Amino acid sequence: MERICTHCHAVLAEDTKADWCPACGGALMERAGLPASAAKAAAAEVDHRGIVLPRRHALGGIITPQ
């Protein structure tokens, strides 16, 4: 299960201790994680607030899911 903000849709890291979204103050909800995200959980970048950052392409730019 992963925690996501209902307002800004920021995904929080599993070890982040928060009741509210650290980015916007919105409420958090839990949802089932994507199967591909479990395999790449170790490669995820997390910022100082505990929010999982989007993956980046080797040549630059952000990779967004379809």
C-alpha atoms as a PDB file:
ATOM      1  CA  MET A   1       0.000   0.000   0.000  1.00  0.00           C
ATOM      2  CA  GLU A   2       1.241   3.466  -0.802  1.00  0.00           C
ATOM      3  CA  ARG A   3       0.044   6.767   0.596  1.00  0.00           C
ATOM      4  CA  ILE A   4      -1.021   9.515  -1.805  1.00  0.00           C
ATOM      5  CA  CYS A   5      -2.363  13.037  -1.285  1.00  0.00           C
ATOM      6  CA  THR A   6      -6.004  13.479  -2.293  1.00  0.00           C
ATOM      7  CA  HIS A   7      -5.365  17.091  -3.353  1.00  0.00           C
ATOM      8  CA  CYS A   8      -1.995  17.299  -5.153  1.00  0.00           C
ATOM      9  CA  HIS A   9      -1.482  13.523  -5.769  1.00  0.00           C
ATOM     10  CA  ALA A  10       2.020  13.471  -4.250  1.00  0.00           C
ATOM     11  CA  VAL A  11       3.181   9.947  -3.380  1.00  0.00           C
ATOM     12  CA  LEU A  12       4.840   9.637   0.037  1.00  0.00           C
ATOM     13  CA  ALA A  13       7.728   7.302   0.798  1.00  0.00           C
ATOM     14  CA  GLU A  14       6.907   4.313   2.995  1.00  0.00           C
ATOM     15  CA  ASP A  15       9.060   5.524   5.898  1.00  0.00           C
ATOM     16  CA  THR A  16       7.557   9.048   5.983  1.00  0.00           C
ATOM     17  CA  LYS A  17       5.681   9.765   9.211  1.00  0.00           C
ATOM     18  CA  ALA A  18       2.930  12.255   8.321  1.00  0.00           C
ATOM     19  CA  ASP A  19      -0.802  12.648   8.869  1.00  0.00           C
ATOM     20  CA  TRP A  20      -1.159  15.349   6.208  1.00  0.00           C
ATOM     21  CA  CYS A  21       0.596  15.973   2.895  1.00  0.00           C
ATOM     22  CA  PRO A  22       3.909  17.781   3.506  1.00  0.00           C
ATOM     23  CA  ALA A  23       3.593  19.599   0.149  1.00  0.00           C
ATOM     24  CA  CYS A  24       0.099  21.104   0.323  1.00  0.00           C
ATOM     25  CA  GLY A  25      -1.482  20.054   3.633  1.00  0.00           C
ATOM     26  CA  GLY A  26      -4.086  17.844   1.941  1.00  0.00           C
ATOM     27  CA  ALA A  27      -5.479  14.624   3.370  1.00  0.00           C
ATOM     28  CA  LEU A  28      -3.670  11.338   2.694  1.00  0.00           C
ATOM     29  CA  MET A  29      -5.263   8.109   1.492  1.00  0.00           C
ATOM     30  CA  GLU A  30      -3.879   4.635   0.945  1.00  0.00           C
ATOM     31  CA  ARG A  31      -4.068   2.821  -2.360  1.00  0.00           C
ATOM     32  CA  ALA A  32      -2.663  -0.385  -3.749  1.00  0.00           C
ATOM     33  CA  GLY A  33       0.779   0.141  -5.241  1.00  0.00           C
ATOM     34  CA  LEU A  34       1.507  -0.558  -8.873  1.00  0.00           C
ATOM     35  CA  PRO A  35       3.228  -3.920  -9.532  1.00  0.00           C
ATOM     36  CA  ALA A  36       6.100  -2.236 -11.422  1.00  0.00           C
ATOM     37  CA  SER A  37       6.725   0.238  -8.594  1.00  0.00           C
ATOM     38  CA  ALA A  38       7.460  -2.553  -6.096  1.00  0.00           C
ATOM     39  CA  ALA A  39      10.386  -3.794  -8.185  1.00  0.00           C
ATOM     40  CA  LYS A  40      11.882  -0.303  -8.539  1.00  0.00           C
ATOM     41  CA  ALA A  41      11.234   0.902  -4.986  1.00  0.00           C
ATOM     42  CA  ALA A  42      14.960   0.935  -4.175  1.00  0.00           C
ATOM     43  CA  ALA A  43      15.666   3.237  -7.144  1.00  0.00           C
ATOM     44  CA  ALA A  44      13.096   5.852  -6.119  1.00  0.00           C
ATOM     45  CA  GLU A  45      14.394   9.324  -5.236  1.00  0.00           C
ATOM     46  CA  VAL A  46      12.861  10.899  -2.121  1.00  0.00           C
ATOM     47  CA  ASP A  47      13.100  14.613  -1.346  1.00  0.00           C
ATOM     48  CA  HIS A  48      13.594  16.211   2.084  1.00  0.00           C
ATOM     49  CA  ARG A  49       9.824  16.193   2.784  1.00  0.00           C
ATOM     50  CA  GLY A  50       9.491  12.446   2.180  1.00  0.00           C
ATOM     51  CA  ILE A  51       7.783  12.753  -1.211  1.00  0.00           C
ATOM     52  CA  VAL A  52       8.753  10.295  -3.932  1.00  0.00           C
ATOM     53  CA  LEU A  53      10.071  12.252  -6.925  1.00  0.00           C
ATOM     54  CA  PRO A  54       9.117  11.339 -10.510  1.00  0.00           C
ATOM     55  CA  ARG A  55      11.532   9.120 -12.402  1.00  0.00           C
ATOM     56  CA  ARG A  56      13.831  10.852 -14.864  1.00  0.00           C
ATOM     57  CA  HIS A  57      14.935   9.701 -18.285  1.00  0.00           C
ATOM     58  CA  ALA A  58      18.674   9.192 -18.863  1.00  0.00           C
ATOM     59  CA  LEU A  59      18.670  11.986 -21.456  1.00  0.00           C
ATOM     60  CA  GLY A  60      16.655  14.380 -19.270  1.00  0.00           C
ATOM     61  CA  GLY A  61      13.023  15.078 -18.646  1.00  0.00           C
ATOM     62  CA  ILE A  62      10.453  13.382 -16.428  1.00  0.00           C
ATOM     63  CA  ILE A  63       8.916  10.002 -17.263  1.00  0.00           C
ATOM     64  CA  THR A  64       5.153  10.157 -16.679  1.00  0.00           C
ATOM     65  CA  PRO A  65       2.882   7.092 -16.620  1.00  0.00           C
ATOM     66  CA  GLN A  66       0.299   6.806 -19.388  1.00  0.00           C
END
